[in-house]
Amino acid sequence: MKDVVLLSDKNSKAWDFSRKIQKYIRDEKKVSIPLEEISIKVFRNGEIDMHVPKNIRKKEVYFIQDSTKNPQQWWVELLLAKDLLLSASAKNVSFVLPNMLYSRKDRKDRPHVPISARALAESLSPDLKGIITMDLHAAQIQGFYSANVPVDNLYSFPEAVHYLRKNNSIDNLEKLVIVSPDAGGTERAESFAKRLNPEYPIAIIHKRRVNGKIEKMRLSGDVVNKNILIVDDMIDSGGTLIEGADLLKAKGAKKLFCYGTHGLFTKGVKELEKYFEKILTSNTHYQKSNGVEVIDVSPVFGEAIYRNQKGLPISKLFE
């Protein structure tokens, strides 16, 4: 792996995540990979300029992007970074996107709207070696990328389950039910429950939306006198979680916990803290808050990069 380079914006929140990836590969795999800086500046009119000080000719470059940036800036930076690196004669360019933005529109939910996830894929695919991301909003997004651009959609659940067991926080609770906040997350809830404890039942909250707003919710599953762990791929404002919490309490649930891989918390966590005993997320979105437990998933990305370069199967990371 002597020709592999990790690349990140030193002035972004992705830098610390990148350093953790580098440390994992060094400590666990006994392989030293350089972490280089990409300089990103903005002209007065808002245009973005980039520069890589170090020579990356004939290198296998993994550009690790910061998902806390404005989504439009995040997207344009990816396009410019790819052009810069290929123009600088990098052998290959791969993107490490801990949280892939523009994934929420993966189909037409009404006429005359864009399929944003597909538009992103079509713009990024040309000349890209591959993408490593985690807990895509919809797994079928992988199919939007061209056939020669593999998308490794890593799971955060093995790391989250390891964390819960290590800290004895939720795993030892009696009468736990794993809940999906919508029908689309059923497979995710089943996968989480299987890893945490195969004996745990699951329940599903079914939602009916009208013009993008939740009109009606119903629950499938028994939660009476049970402790609840809601699992989801993303926590944005937290509004859906709160409405789900109200429904679960009305159905007789006891203590409520929640885990969302990508913790955006666009409205903070104070309101969520009123409903949930614990709020857990990963560090894909680099959020830190006194009211949230953050699980480090950088080792999963470090392992994926190592396996990619060594030609080893990625499937081990899904166990």
C-alpha atoms as a PDB file:
ATOM      1  CA  MET A   1       0.000   0.000   0.000  1.00  0.00           C
ATOM      2  CA  LYS A   2       2.961   2.275  -0.531  1.00  0.00           C
ATOM      3  CA  ASP A   3       1.171   4.241  -3.272  1.00  0.00           C
ATOM      4  CA  VAL A   4      -2.017   4.885  -1.254  1.00  0.00           C
ATOM      5  CA  VAL A   5      -2.768   8.420  -0.044  1.00  0.00           C
ATOM      6  CA  LEU A   6      -5.574   9.670   2.188  1.00  0.00           C
ATOM      7  CA  LEU A   7      -6.666  13.199   1.306  1.00  0.00           C
ATOM      8  CA  SER A   8      -8.834  15.602   3.274  1.00  0.00           C
ATOM      9  CA  ASP A   9      -9.527  19.284   3.959  1.00  0.00           C
ATOM     10  CA  LYS A  10      -7.495  20.144   7.042  1.00  0.00           C
ATOM     11  CA  ASN A  11      -9.856  22.988   7.908  1.00  0.00           C
ATOM     12  CA  SER A  12     -12.936  20.769   7.858  1.00  0.00           C
ATOM     13  CA  LYS A  13     -14.425  18.368  10.365  1.00  0.00           C
ATOM     14  CA  ALA A  14     -13.421  15.498   8.087  1.00  0.00           C
ATOM     15  CA  TRP A  15      -9.762  15.937   9.065  1.00  0.00           C
ATOM     16  CA  ASP A  16     -10.182  14.381  12.507  1.00  0.00           C
ATOM     17  CA  PHE A  17     -12.162  11.501  11.003  1.00  0.00           C
ATOM     18  CA  SER A  18      -9.392  11.003   8.432  1.00  0.00           C
ATOM     19  CA  ARG A  19      -6.746  10.918  11.148  1.00  0.00           C
ATOM     20  CA  LYS A  20      -8.707   8.198  12.937  1.00  0.00           C
ATOM     21  CA  ILE A  21      -8.835   6.151   9.729  1.00  0.00           C
ATOM     22  CA  GLN A  22      -5.096   6.593   9.288  1.00  0.00           C
ATOM     23  CA  LYS A  23      -4.475   5.583  12.919  1.00  0.00           C
ATOM     24  CA  TYR A  24      -6.617   2.451  12.607  1.00  0.00           C
ATOM     25  CA  ILE A  25      -4.720   1.235   9.537  1.00  0.00           C
ATOM     26  CA  ARG A  26      -1.401   1.975  11.233  1.00  0.00           C
ATOM     27  CA  ASP A  27      -2.241   0.388  14.581  1.00  0.00           C
ATOM     28  CA  GLU A  28      -4.327  -2.592  13.449  1.00  0.00           C
ATOM     29  CA  LYS A  29      -2.780  -3.399  10.071  1.00  0.00           C
ATOM     30  CA  LYS A  30       0.775  -2.181  10.750  1.00  0.00           C
ATOM     31  CA  VAL A  31       0.683  -0.158   7.530  1.00  0.00           C
ATOM     32  CA  SER A  32       1.578   3.544   7.350  1.00  0.00           C
ATOM     33  CA  ILE A  33      -0.446   5.594   4.890  1.00  0.00           C
ATOM     34  CA  PRO A  34       0.160   9.330   4.487  1.00  0.00           C
ATOM     35  CA  LEU A  35      -2.675  11.757   5.142  1.00  0.00           C
ATOM     36  CA  GLU A  36      -2.284  14.796   2.901  1.00  0.00           C
ATOM     37  CA  GLU A  37      -4.091  18.111   2.863  1.00  0.00           C
ATOM     38  CA  ILE A  38      -6.229  19.484   0.094  1.00  0.00           C
ATOM     39  CA  SER A  39      -6.420  23.270   0.329  1.00  0.00           C
ATOM     40  CA  ILE A  40      -9.926  24.595  -0.352  1.00  0.00           C
ATOM     41  CA  LYS A  41     -10.553  28.309  -0.634  1.00  0.00           C
ATOM     42  CA  VAL A  42     -13.518  30.386  -1.711  1.00  0.00           C
ATOM     43  CA  PHE A  43     -13.250  33.436  -3.967  1.00  0.00           C
ATOM     44  CA  ARG A  44     -15.112  36.568  -3.018  1.00  0.00           C
ATOM     45  CA  ASN A  45     -17.861  35.756  -5.507  1.00  0.00           C
ATOM     46  CA  GLY A  46     -18.396  32.336  -3.914  1.00  0.00           C
ATOM     47  CA  GLU A  47     -16.516  30.164  -6.416  1.00  0.00           C
ATOM     48  CA  ILE A  48     -14.378  27.364  -4.983  1.00  0.00           C
ATOM     49  CA  ASP A  49     -10.647  26.971  -5.594  1.00  0.00           C
ATOM     50  CA  MET A  50      -8.517  23.954  -4.682  1.00  0.00           C
ATOM     51  CA  HIS A  51      -4.880  22.982  -4.470  1.00  0.00           C
ATOM     52  CA  VAL A  52      -2.979  19.859  -3.348  1.00  0.00           C
ATOM     53  CA  PRO A  53       0.531  20.869  -2.183  1.00  0.00           C
ATOM     54  CA  LYS A  54       2.013  17.349  -2.302  1.00  0.00           C
ATOM     55  CA  ASN A  55       2.758  15.318  -5.418  1.00  0.00           C
ATOM     56  CA  ILE A  56       0.085  12.666  -5.967  1.00  0.00           C
ATOM     57  CA  ARG A  57       1.222  11.437  -9.389  1.00  0.00           C
ATOM     58  CA  LYS A  58       0.543   7.685  -9.827  1.00  0.00           C
ATOM     59  CA  LYS A  59      -1.039   7.507  -6.357  1.00  0.00           C
ATOM     60  CA  GLU A  60      -4.193   5.695  -5.257  1.00  0.00           C
ATOM     61  CA  VAL A  61      -6.068   8.611  -3.685  1.00  0.00           C
ATOM     62  CA  TYR A  62      -8.937   8.333  -1.180  1.00  0.00           C
ATOM     63  CA  PHE A  63     -10.596  11.731  -0.780  1.00  0.00           C
ATOM     64  CA  ILE A  64     -12.512  11.895   2.509  1.00  0.00           C
ATOM     65  CA  GLN A  65     -15.250  14.514   2.327  1.00  0.00           C
ATOM     66  CA  ASP A  66     -16.947  16.449   5.145  1.00  0.00           C
ATOM     67  CA  SER A  67     -20.717  15.956   5.143  1.00  0.00           C
ATOM     68  CA  THR A  68     -21.353  18.856   7.515  1.00  0.00           C
ATOM     69  CA  LYS A  69     -20.631  21.296   4.716  1.00  0.00           C
ATOM     70  CA  ASN A  70     -23.439  22.948   2.805  1.00  0.00           C
ATOM     71  CA  PRO A  71     -24.770  20.170   0.516  1.00  0.00           C
ATOM     72  CA  GLN A  72     -24.260  22.268  -2.607  1.00  0.00           C
ATOM     73  CA  GLN A  73     -20.659  23.069  -1.628  1.00  0.00           C
ATOM     74  CA  TRP A  74     -20.118  19.395  -0.707  1.00  0.00           C
ATOM     75  CA  TRP A  75     -21.216  18.319  -4.198  1.00  0.00           C
ATOM     76  CA  VAL A  76     -19.198  20.900  -6.140  1.00  0.00           C
ATOM     77  CA  GLU A  77     -16.079  20.162  -4.075  1.00  0.00           C
ATOM     78  CA  LEU A  78     -16.328  16.498  -5.060  1.00  0.00           C
ATOM     79  CA  LEU A  79     -16.517  17.405  -8.745  1.00  0.00           C
ATOM     80  CA  LEU A  80     -13.592  19.810  -8.522  1.00  0.00           C
ATOM     81  CA  ALA A  81     -11.495  17.438  -6.390  1.00  0.00           C
ATOM     82  CA  LYS A  82     -11.904  14.672  -8.944  1.00  0.00           C
ATOM     83  CA  ASP A  83     -10.893  16.982 -11.784  1.00  0.00           C
ATOM     84  CA  LEU A  84      -7.907  18.300  -9.814  1.00  0.00           C
ATOM     85  CA  LEU A  85      -6.626  14.845  -8.860  1.00  0.00           C
ATOM     86  CA  LEU A  86      -6.996  13.297 -12.288  1.00  0.00           C
ATOM     87  CA  SER A  87      -5.369  16.348 -13.874  1.00  0.00           C
ATOM     88  CA  ALA A  88      -2.497  15.893 -11.419  1.00  0.00           C
ATOM     89  CA  SER A  89      -2.038  12.331 -12.775  1.00  0.00           C
ATOM     90  CA  ALA A  90      -3.373  10.403  -9.788  1.00  0.00           C
ATOM     91  CA  LYS A  91      -3.556   6.725 -10.714  1.00  0.00           C
ATOM     92  CA  ASN A  92      -7.046   6.335  -9.261  1.00  0.00           C
ATOM     93  CA  VAL A  93      -9.481   8.459  -7.278  1.00  0.00           C
ATOM     94  CA  SER A  94     -11.953   7.059  -4.757  1.00  0.00           C
ATOM     95  CA  PHE A  95     -14.378   9.028  -2.611  1.00  0.00           C
ATOM     96  CA  VAL A  96     -14.941   8.252   1.070  1.00  0.00           C
ATOM     97  CA  LEU A  97     -18.355   9.705   1.924  1.00  0.00           C
ATOM     98  CA  PRO A  98     -19.252   8.778   5.509  1.00  0.00           C
ATOM     99  CA  ASN A  99     -22.668  10.352   4.956  1.00  0.00           C
ATOM    100  CA  MET A 100     -23.718  10.541   1.322  1.00  0.00           C
ATOM    101  CA  LEU A 101     -25.757  13.696   0.890  1.00  0.00           C
ATOM    102  CA  TYR A 102     -28.493  14.080  -1.725  1.00  0.00           C
ATOM    103  CA  SER A 103     -29.726  10.559  -0.963  1.00  0.00           C
ATOM    104  CA  ARG A 104     -33.191  11.465   0.250  1.00  0.00           C
ATOM    105  CA  LYS A 105     -34.694  11.721  -3.226  1.00  0.00           C
ATOM    106  CA  ASP A 106     -34.040   8.284  -4.719  1.00  0.00           C
ATOM    107  CA  ARG A 107     -37.302   8.110  -6.699  1.00  0.00           C
ATOM    108  CA  LYS A 108     -40.109  10.334  -7.950  1.00  0.00           C
ATOM    109  CA  ASP A 109     -42.616  10.702  -5.144  1.00  0.00           C
ATOM    110  CA  ARG A 110     -44.705  13.051  -7.280  1.00  0.00           C
ATOM    111  CA  PRO A 111     -44.578  14.383 -10.852  1.00  0.00           C
ATOM    112  CA  HIS A 112     -42.028  16.947 -12.019  1.00  0.00           C
ATOM    113  CA  VAL A 113     -39.349  16.477  -9.352  1.00  0.00           C
ATOM    114  CA  PRO A 114     -35.694  15.465  -9.736  1.00  0.00           C
ATOM    115  CA  ILE A 115     -34.254  12.135  -8.681  1.00  0.00           C
ATOM    116  CA  SER A 116     -31.430  13.881  -6.853  1.00  0.00           C
ATOM    117  CA  ALA A 117     -29.531  10.721  -5.862  1.00  0.00           C
ATOM    118  CA  ARG A 118     -29.364   9.693  -9.518  1.00  0.00           C
ATOM    119  CA  ALA A 119     -28.228  13.157 -10.624  1.00  0.00           C
ATOM    120  CA  LEU A 120     -25.422  13.031  -8.069  1.00  0.00           C
ATOM    121  CA  ALA A 121     -24.379   9.557  -9.224  1.00  0.00           C
ATOM    122  CA  GLU A 122     -24.301  10.521 -12.884  1.00  0.00           C
ATOM    123  CA  SER A 123     -22.127  13.553 -12.154  1.00  0.00           C
ATOM    124  CA  LEU A 124     -19.641  11.678  -9.956  1.00  0.00           C
ATOM    125  CA  SER A 125     -19.322   8.390 -11.873  1.00  0.00           C
ATOM    126  CA  PRO A 126     -17.088   9.331 -14.841  1.00  0.00           C
ATOM    127  CA  ASP A 127     -13.453   8.281 -14.209  1.00  0.00           C
ATOM    128  CA  LEU A 128     -14.076   7.522 -10.529  1.00  0.00           C
ATOM    129  CA  LYS A 129     -12.637   4.275  -9.138  1.00  0.00           C
ATOM    130  CA  GLY A 130     -15.191   3.776  -6.378  1.00  0.00           C
ATOM    131  CA  ILE A 131     -17.110   5.122  -3.395  1.00  0.00           C
ATOM    132  CA  ILE A 132     -17.097   4.025   0.233  1.00  0.00           C
ATOM    133  CA  THR A 133     -20.077   5.218   2.248  1.00  0.00           C
ATOM    134  CA  MET A 134     -22.253   4.071   5.155  1.00  0.00           C
ATOM    135  CA  ASP A 135     -25.934   3.285   5.702  1.00  0.00           C
ATOM    136  CA  LEU A 136     -27.338   4.742   2.517  1.00  0.00           C
ATOM    137  CA  HIS A 137     -30.825   6.156   2.858  1.00  0.00           C
ATOM    138  CA  ALA A 138     -31.892   3.634   0.205  1.00  0.00           C
ATOM    139  CA  ALA A 139     -29.701   0.697  -0.828  1.00  0.00           C
ATOM    140  CA  GLN A 140     -30.849   0.907  -4.458  1.00  0.00           C
ATOM    141  CA  ILE A 141     -28.862   4.143  -4.830  1.00  0.00           C
ATOM    142  CA  GLN A 142     -25.845   1.926  -5.482  1.00  0.00           C
ATOM    143  CA  GLY A 143     -27.444   1.048  -8.805  1.00  0.00           C
ATOM    144  CA  PHE A 144     -27.391   4.660  -9.979  1.00  0.00           C
ATOM    145  CA  TYR A 145     -23.607   4.561 -10.367  1.00  0.00           C
ATOM    146  CA  SER A 146     -22.029   3.220 -13.518  1.00  0.00           C
ATOM    147  CA  ALA A 147     -21.081  -0.460 -13.567  1.00  0.00           C
ATOM    148  CA  ASN A 148     -17.368   0.276 -13.212  1.00  0.00           C
ATOM    149  CA  VAL A 149     -17.850   2.411 -10.063  1.00  0.00           C
ATOM    150  CA  PRO A 150     -18.478   0.044  -7.135  1.00  0.00           C
ATOM    151  CA  VAL A 151     -20.253   1.586  -4.160  1.00  0.00           C
ATOM    152  CA  ASP A 152     -19.351  -0.065  -0.856  1.00  0.00           C
ATOM    153  CA  ASN A 153     -22.305   0.666   1.410  1.00  0.00           C
ATOM    154  CA  LEU A 154     -20.932  -0.145   4.863  1.00  0.00           C
ATOM    155  CA  TYR A 155     -23.146  -0.887   7.868  1.00  0.00           C
ATOM    156  CA  SER A 156     -22.741   0.947  11.143  1.00  0.00           C
ATOM    157  CA  PHE A 157     -24.777  -1.616  13.067  1.00  0.00           C
ATOM    158  CA  PRO A 158     -21.948  -4.055  13.915  1.00  0.00           C
ATOM    159  CA  GLU A 159     -19.992  -1.181  15.464  1.00  0.00           C
ATOM    160  CA  ALA A 160     -23.090   0.170  17.228  1.00  0.00           C
ATOM    161  CA  VAL A 161     -23.924  -3.264  18.664  1.00  0.00           C
ATOM    162  CA  HIS A 162     -20.326  -3.680  19.832  1.00  0.00           C
ATOM    163  CA  TYR A 163     -20.578  -0.287  21.552  1.00  0.00           C
ATOM    164  CA  LEU A 164     -23.865  -1.133  23.274  1.00  0.00           C
ATOM    165  CA  ARG A 165     -22.544  -4.432  24.572  1.00  0.00           C
ATOM    166  CA  LYS A 166     -19.268  -2.923  25.730  1.00  0.00           C
ATOM    167  CA  ASN A 167     -21.018  -0.157  27.663  1.00  0.00           C
ATOM    168  CA  ASN A 168     -23.804  -2.375  29.046  1.00  0.00           C
ATOM    169  CA  SER A 169     -26.226   0.464  28.414  1.00  0.00           C
ATOM    170  CA  ILE A 170     -29.067  -1.016  26.394  1.00  0.00           C
ATOM    171  CA  ASP A 171     -28.101  -4.618  25.700  1.00  0.00           C
ATOM    172  CA  ASN A 172     -28.871  -5.722  29.263  1.00  0.00           C
ATOM    173  CA  LEU A 173     -32.279  -4.117  29.426  1.00  0.00           C
ATOM    174  CA  GLU A 174     -35.094  -6.598  29.764  1.00  0.00           C
ATOM    175  CA  LYS A 175     -38.052  -6.779  27.391  1.00  0.00           C
ATOM    176  CA  LEU A 176     -36.392  -4.751  24.635  1.00  0.00           C
ATOM    177  CA  VAL A 177     -38.143  -4.240  21.297  1.00  0.00           C
ATOM    178  CA  ILE A 178     -36.322  -2.908  18.219  1.00  0.00           C
ATOM    179  CA  VAL A 179     -38.537  -0.461  16.344  1.00  0.00           C
ATOM    180  CA  SER A 180     -38.369   0.795  12.771  1.00  0.00           C
ATOM    181  CA  PRO A 181     -39.786   4.344  12.450  1.00  0.00           C
ATOM    182  CA  ASP A 182     -41.194   3.485   9.001  1.00  0.00           C
ATOM    183  CA  ALA A 183     -41.956   0.470   6.831  1.00  0.00           C
ATOM    184  CA  GLY A 184     -38.922   1.145   4.635  1.00  0.00           C
ATOM    185  CA  GLY A 185     -36.606   0.567   7.593  1.00  0.00           C
ATOM    186  CA  THR A 186     -37.952  -2.885   8.462  1.00  0.00           C
ATOM    187  CA  GLU A 187     -34.917  -4.719   7.094  1.00  0.00           C
ATOM    188  CA  ARG A 188     -32.655  -2.335   9.001  1.00  0.00           C
ATOM    189  CA  ALA A 189     -34.475  -3.050  12.284  1.00  0.00           C
ATOM    190  CA  GLU A 190     -34.353  -6.799  11.678  1.00  0.00           C
ATOM    191  CA  SER A 191     -30.643  -6.631  10.932  1.00  0.00           C
ATOM    192  CA  PHE A 192     -29.975  -4.644  14.099  1.00  0.00           C
ATOM    193  CA  ALA A 193     -32.052  -6.968  16.269  1.00  0.00           C
ATOM    194  CA  LYS A 194     -30.335 -10.047  14.838  1.00  0.00           C
ATOM    195  CA  ARG A 195     -26.916  -8.676  15.824  1.00  0.00           C
ATOM    196  CA  LEU A 196     -27.908  -7.290  19.221  1.00  0.00           C
ATOM    197  CA  ASN A 197     -29.995 -10.247  20.396  1.00  0.00           C
ATOM    198  CA  PRO A 198     -31.873 -12.644  18.081  1.00  0.00           C
ATOM    199  CA  GLU A 199     -34.544 -12.982  20.774  1.00  0.00           C
ATOM    200  CA  TYR A 200     -35.537  -9.326  20.529  1.00  0.00           C
ATOM    201  CA  PRO A 201     -38.796  -8.790  18.597  1.00  0.00           C
ATOM    202  CA  ILE A 202     -39.269  -5.898  16.202  1.00  0.00           C
ATOM    203  CA  ALA A 203     -42.135  -3.472  15.717  1.00  0.00           C
ATOM    204  CA  ILE A 204     -42.874  -1.152  12.810  1.00  0.00           C
ATOM    205  CA  ILE A 205     -44.406   2.303  12.693  1.00  0.00           C
ATOM    206  CA  HIS A 206     -46.421   2.786   9.513  1.00  0.00           C
ATOM    207  CA  LYS A 207     -46.824   6.370   8.346  1.00  0.00           C
ATOM    208  CA  ARG A 208     -49.146   7.902   5.793  1.00  0.00           C
ATOM    209  CA  ARG A 209     -47.954  11.179   4.349  1.00  0.00           C
ATOM    210  CA  VAL A 210     -49.954  13.849   2.556  1.00  0.00           C
ATOM    211  CA  ASN A 211     -47.956  16.569   0.781  1.00  0.00           C
ATOM    212  CA  GLY A 212     -44.835  15.511   2.650  1.00  0.00           C
ATOM    213  CA  LYS A 213     -46.469  15.720   6.086  1.00  0.00           C
ATOM    214  CA  ILE A 214     -47.354  12.778   8.319  1.00  0.00           C
ATOM    215  CA  GLU A 215     -51.143  12.487   8.476  1.00  0.00           C
ATOM    216  CA  LYS A 216     -51.546   9.174  10.259  1.00  0.00           C
ATOM    217  CA  MET A 217     -49.351   6.682  12.122  1.00  0.00           C
ATOM    218  CA  ARG A 218     -50.078   3.141  13.245  1.00  0.00           C
ATOM    219  CA  LEU A 219     -48.016   0.518  15.021  1.00  0.00           C
ATOM    220  CA  SER A 220     -47.444  -3.135  14.128  1.00  0.00           C
ATOM    221  CA  GLY A 221     -46.067  -5.110  17.068  1.00  0.00           C
ATOM    222  CA  ASP A 222     -46.432  -5.432  20.826  1.00  0.00           C
ATOM    223  CA  VAL A 223     -44.708  -2.763  22.927  1.00  0.00           C
ATOM    224  CA  VAL A 224     -46.791  -2.899  26.110  1.00  0.00           C
ATOM    225  CA  ASN A 225     -44.478  -2.614  29.140  1.00  0.00           C
ATOM    226  CA  LYS A 226     -41.470  -2.990  26.821  1.00  0.00           C
ATOM    227  CA  ASN A 227     -38.336  -0.889  26.499  1.00  0.00           C
ATOM    228  CA  ILE A 228     -37.840   0.484  22.996  1.00  0.00           C
ATOM    229  CA  LEU A 229     -34.831   1.094  20.785  1.00  0.00           C
ATOM    230  CA  ILE A 230     -35.721   2.963  17.580  1.00  0.00           C
ATOM    231  CA  VAL A 231     -33.104   2.525  14.849  1.00  0.00           C
ATOM    232  CA  ASP A 232     -32.866   4.659  11.719  1.00  0.00           C
ATOM    233  CA  ASP A 233     -30.309   5.741   9.139  1.00  0.00           C
ATOM    234  CA  MET A 234     -30.688   9.459   9.881  1.00  0.00           C
ATOM    235  CA  ILE A 235     -31.869  11.869  12.550  1.00  0.00           C
ATOM    236  CA  ASP A 236     -32.590  15.245  10.957  1.00  0.00           C
ATOM    237  CA  SER A 237     -34.854  17.534  12.975  1.00  0.00           C
ATOM    238  CA  GLY A 238     -36.055  14.663  15.145  1.00  0.00           C
ATOM    239  CA  GLY A 239     -39.719  15.428  14.458  1.00  0.00           C
ATOM    240  CA  THR A 240     -40.517  11.947  13.159  1.00  0.00           C
ATOM    241  CA  LEU A 241     -38.842  10.363  16.194  1.00  0.00           C
ATOM    242  CA  ILE A 242     -40.886  12.524  18.545  1.00  0.00           C
ATOM    243  CA  GLU A 243     -44.162  11.627  16.828  1.00  0.00           C
ATOM    244  CA  GLY A 244     -43.138   7.974  16.968  1.00  0.00           C
ATOM    245  CA  ALA A 245     -42.305   8.327  20.646  1.00  0.00           C
ATOM    246  CA  ASP A 246     -45.768   9.730  21.355  1.00  0.00           C
ATOM    247  CA  LEU A 247     -47.354   6.772  19.572  1.00  0.00           C
ATOM    248  CA  LEU A 248     -45.189   4.231  21.400  1.00  0.00           C
ATOM    249  CA  LYS A 249     -45.966   5.749  24.785  1.00  0.00           C
ATOM    250  CA  ALA A 250     -49.672   5.746  23.951  1.00  0.00           C
ATOM    251  CA  LYS A 251     -49.354   2.042  23.154  1.00  0.00           C
ATOM    252  CA  GLY A 252     -47.852   1.306  26.572  1.00  0.00           C
ATOM    253  CA  ALA A 253     -44.084   1.413  25.952  1.00  0.00           C
ATOM    254  CA  LYS A 254     -41.785   2.084  28.914  1.00  0.00           C
ATOM    255  CA  LYS A 255     -38.293   3.526  28.354  1.00  0.00           C
ATOM    256  CA  LEU A 256     -37.390   4.868  24.918  1.00  0.00           C
ATOM    257  CA  PHE A 257     -33.945   4.918  23.266  1.00  0.00           C
ATOM    258  CA  CYS A 258     -32.962   5.864  19.720  1.00  0.00           C
ATOM    259  CA  TYR A 259     -30.035   5.341  17.355  1.00  0.00           C
ATOM    260  CA  GLY A 260     -29.548   7.072  14.009  1.00  0.00           C
ATOM    261  CA  THR A 261     -26.368   6.559  11.988  1.00  0.00           C
ATOM    262  CA  HIS A 262     -26.209  10.079  10.614  1.00  0.00           C
ATOM    263  CA  GLY A 263     -26.982  12.576  13.356  1.00  0.00           C
ATOM    264  CA  LEU A 264     -27.782  15.899  11.710  1.00  0.00           C
ATOM    265  CA  PHE A 265     -29.807  17.302  14.642  1.00  0.00           C
ATOM    266  CA  THR A 266     -30.825  20.364  12.655  1.00  0.00           C
ATOM    267  CA  LYS A 267     -33.055  21.494  15.534  1.00  0.00           C
ATOM    268  CA  GLY A 268     -30.723  20.449  18.327  1.00  0.00           C
ATOM    269  CA  VAL A 269     -31.374  17.692  20.846  1.00  0.00           C
ATOM    270  CA  LYS A 270     -33.202  19.410  23.724  1.00  0.00           C
ATOM    271  CA  GLU A 271     -36.648  18.335  22.544  1.00  0.00           C
ATOM    272  CA  LEU A 272     -35.488  14.785  21.833  1.00  0.00           C
ATOM    273  CA  GLU A 273     -34.056  14.531  25.354  1.00  0.00           C
ATOM    274  CA  LYS A 274     -37.580  14.967  26.741  1.00  0.00           C
ATOM    275  CA  TYR A 275     -38.661  11.725  25.089  1.00  0.00           C
ATOM    276  CA  PHE A 276     -35.598   9.461  25.027  1.00  0.00           C
ATOM    277  CA  GLU A 277     -33.465   8.040  27.825  1.00  0.00           C
ATOM    278  CA  LYS A 278     -30.486   7.967  25.460  1.00  0.00           C
ATOM    279  CA  ILE A 279     -29.819   9.367  21.992  1.00  0.00           C
ATOM    280  CA  LEU A 280     -27.076   7.602  20.061  1.00  0.00           C
ATOM    281  CA  THR A 281     -25.477   8.327  16.706  1.00  0.00           C
ATOM    282  CA  SER A 282     -22.241   7.644  14.858  1.00  0.00           C
ATOM    283  CA  ASN A 283     -19.551  10.174  13.944  1.00  0.00           C
ATOM    284  CA  THR A 284     -20.252  10.064  10.190  1.00  0.00           C
ATOM    285  CA  HIS A 285     -21.692  13.551  10.541  1.00  0.00           C
ATOM    286  CA  TYR A 286     -19.167  14.635  13.157  1.00  0.00           C
ATOM    287  CA  GLN A 287     -21.700  15.882  15.711  1.00  0.00           C
ATOM    288  CA  LYS A 288     -20.748  16.412  19.336  1.00  0.00           C
ATOM    289  CA  SER A 289     -23.299  17.205  21.991  1.00  0.00           C
ATOM    290  CA  ASN A 290     -23.644  16.721  25.718  1.00  0.00           C
ATOM    291  CA  GLY A 291     -26.987  15.045  25.105  1.00  0.00           C
ATOM    292  CA  VAL A 292     -25.802  12.513  22.519  1.00  0.00           C
ATOM    293  CA  GLU A 293     -23.573   9.441  22.721  1.00  0.00           C
ATOM    294  CA  VAL A 294     -21.361   9.319  19.633  1.00  0.00           C
ATOM    295  CA  ILE A 295     -20.077   5.966  18.348  1.00  0.00           C
ATOM    296  CA  ASP A 296     -16.818   6.030  16.396  1.00  0.00           C
ATOM    297  CA  VAL A 297     -17.200   4.170  13.076  1.00  0.00           C
ATOM    298  CA  SER A 298     -13.896   5.274  11.536  1.00  0.00           C
ATOM    299  CA  PRO A 299     -12.427   1.759  12.062  1.00  0.00           C
ATOM    300  CA  VAL A 300     -15.026   0.377   9.645  1.00  0.00           C
ATOM    301  CA  PHE A 301     -13.856   2.804   6.948  1.00  0.00           C
ATOM    302  CA  GLY A 302     -10.220   2.078   7.718  1.00  0.00           C
ATOM    303  CA  GLU A 303     -10.866  -1.654   7.339  1.00  0.00           C
ATOM    304  CA  ALA A 304     -12.760  -1.079   4.070  1.00  0.00           C
ATOM    305  CA  ILE A 305      -9.917   0.963   2.578  1.00  0.00           C
ATOM    306  CA  TYR A 306      -7.378  -1.657   3.633  1.00  0.00           C
ATOM    307  CA  ARG A 307      -9.445  -4.485   2.185  1.00  0.00           C
ATOM    308  CA  ASN A 308     -10.026  -2.615  -1.054  1.00  0.00           C
ATOM    309  CA  GLN A 309      -6.306  -2.188  -1.559  1.00  0.00           C
ATOM    310  CA  LYS A 310      -5.486  -5.759  -0.598  1.00  0.00           C
ATOM    311  CA  GLY A 311      -8.217  -7.281  -2.748  1.00  0.00           C
ATOM    312  CA  LEU A 312      -9.918  -8.775   0.302  1.00  0.00           C
ATOM    313  CA  PRO A 313     -13.704  -9.199   0.592  1.00  0.00           C
ATOM    314  CA  ILE A 314     -15.699  -6.342   2.105  1.00  0.00           C
ATOM    315  CA  SER A 315     -18.473  -8.749   3.139  1.00  0.00           C
ATOM    316  CA  LYS A 316     -16.667  -9.445   6.438  1.00  0.00           C
ATOM    317  CA  LEU A 317     -17.645  -5.936   7.562  1.00  0.00           C
ATOM    318  CA  PHE A 318     -21.335  -6.837   7.362  1.00  0.00           C
ATOM    319  CA  GLU A 319     -21.102  -9.715   9.844  1.00  0.00           C
END
